[in-house]
Amino acid sequence: MINIEVQSSNNIIRNISISGHSDSAEKSKDLICAGVSAICFGSINYFIEIHNPNIQTKKEDNYIEFMNSSKNKNFLYFVYCQLKTLYNSFTNNINWHEK
């Protein structure tokens, strides 16, 4: 199961963390995991290329976390919207938690 946790306060996203595996197929053929990875890394690449923000991330095996800074509020909302869309299509494979 992929776990996505969104922390916000005062209607501002402060942190998004993603961990786990969807287990919808074997690791090299799992399209849900591929979708989550594409959203995360494609978003990072786009914002660095176009907006050049200082995106704060923490990456480990099967885990990525995006942290808020004054320069990347739009980035976090961009990632949030895309991940939420994927979640809405695959609720059996993704846990979504908002705090």
Protein backbone atom coordinates (compact mmCIF):
# COMPACT_ATOMS: atom_id res chain seq x y z
CA MET A 1 0.00 0.00 0.00
CA ILE A 2 1.27 3.46 -0.84
CA ASN A 3 0.84 5.87 2.08
CA ILE A 4 0.50 9.57 1.37
CA GLU A 5 0.40 11.95 4.32
CA VAL A 6 -0.33 15.65 3.87
CA GLN A 7 0.25 18.03 6.76
CA SER A 8 -1.22 21.51 6.57
CA SER A 9 -2.06 24.43 8.78
CA ASN A 10 -4.02 27.59 8.04
CA ASN A 11 -4.90 26.14 4.60
CA ILE A 12 -1.21 25.96 3.63
CA ILE A 13 0.38 22.61 2.83
CA ARG A 14 3.43 22.22 5.07
CA ASN A 15 4.61 18.74 4.17
CA ILE A 16 3.81 15.79 1.88
CA SER A 17 5.33 12.37 2.59
CA ILE A 18 4.95 9.29 0.43
CA SER A 19 6.02 5.77 1.35
CA GLY A 20 5.39 2.16 0.49
CA HIS A 21 4.47 0.18 -2.61
CA SER A 22 1.03 -0.30 -4.14
CA ASP A 23 1.49 -4.05 -4.66
CA SER A 24 -0.77 -3.91 -7.71
CA ALA A 25 1.91 -5.78 -9.73
CA GLU A 26 5.50 -6.87 -9.36
CA LYS A 27 7.87 -3.96 -8.74
CA SER A 28 9.07 -3.42 -12.30
CA LYS A 29 5.52 -3.59 -13.72
CA ASP A 30 3.51 -1.64 -11.16
CA LEU A 31 1.81 1.22 -13.00
CA ILE A 32 0.43 2.85 -9.83
CA CYS A 33 3.91 3.13 -8.31
CA ALA A 34 5.18 4.35 -11.66
CA GLY A 35 2.49 7.04 -11.63
CA VAL A 36 3.41 8.23 -8.15
CA SER A 37 7.11 8.31 -9.08
CA ALA A 38 6.39 10.18 -12.31
CA ILE A 39 4.35 12.78 -10.44
CA CYS A 40 7.05 13.29 -7.80
CA PHE A 41 10.14 13.40 -9.96
CA GLY A 42 8.47 15.06 -12.95
CA SER A 43 7.20 17.82 -10.65
CA ILE A 44 10.64 18.35 -9.13
CA ASN A 45 12.26 18.53 -12.56
CA TYR A 46 9.63 20.93 -13.91
CA PHE A 47 9.81 23.36 -11.00
CA ILE A 48 13.60 23.36 -10.92
CA GLU A 49 13.78 23.94 -14.69
CA ILE A 50 11.07 26.61 -14.91
CA HIS A 51 10.97 28.28 -11.51
CA ASN A 52 14.34 27.30 -10.00
CA PRO A 53 13.03 27.08 -6.42
CA ASN A 54 14.89 25.57 -3.55
CA ILE A 55 12.78 22.43 -3.16
CA GLN A 56 13.39 20.73 0.16
CA THR A 57 13.14 16.95 -0.06
CA LYS A 58 14.12 13.90 1.94
CA LYS A 59 14.58 10.70 -0.10
CA GLU A 60 15.09 7.13 1.06
CA ASP A 61 14.22 3.72 -0.36
CA ASN A 62 10.43 3.69 -0.97
CA TYR A 63 10.06 7.09 0.74
CA ILE A 64 10.05 10.71 -0.35
CA GLU A 65 9.07 13.80 1.61
CA PHE A 66 8.51 17.34 0.36
CA MET A 67 8.79 20.17 2.87
CA ASN A 68 7.39 23.67 2.61
CA SER A 69 9.45 26.79 2.24
CA SER A 70 8.41 30.29 1.25
CA LYS A 71 9.59 29.58 -2.31
CA ASN A 72 7.75 26.34 -3.02
CA LYS A 73 4.13 26.76 -1.88
CA ASN A 74 2.91 26.38 -5.46
CA PHE A 75 5.06 23.28 -5.89
CA LEU A 76 3.47 21.51 -2.93
CA TYR A 77 -0.04 22.36 -4.12
CA PHE A 78 0.87 21.17 -7.64
CA VAL A 79 2.09 17.80 -6.27
CA TYR A 80 -0.92 17.57 -3.93
CA CYS A 81 -3.44 17.99 -6.79
CA GLN A 82 -1.77 15.39 -8.97
CA LEU A 83 -1.41 12.82 -6.18
CA LYS A 84 -5.01 13.39 -5.06
CA THR A 85 -6.21 12.70 -8.62
CA LEU A 86 -4.26 9.42 -8.70
CA TYR A 87 -5.55 8.49 -5.24
CA ASN A 88 -9.16 9.03 -6.34
CA SER A 89 -8.64 6.42 -9.07
CA PHE A 90 -6.78 3.86 -6.92
CA THR A 91 -8.21 3.98 -3.40
CA ASN A 92 -7.56 0.24 -2.94
CA ASN A 93 -3.81 0.78 -3.42
CA ILE A 94 -3.21 4.19 -1.86
CA ASN A 95 -3.90 5.39 1.70
CA TRP A 96 -4.48 9.13 1.94
CA HIS A 97 -4.15 10.97 5.26
CA GLU A 98 -4.48 14.71 5.85
CA LYS A 99 -3.57 16.32 9.14
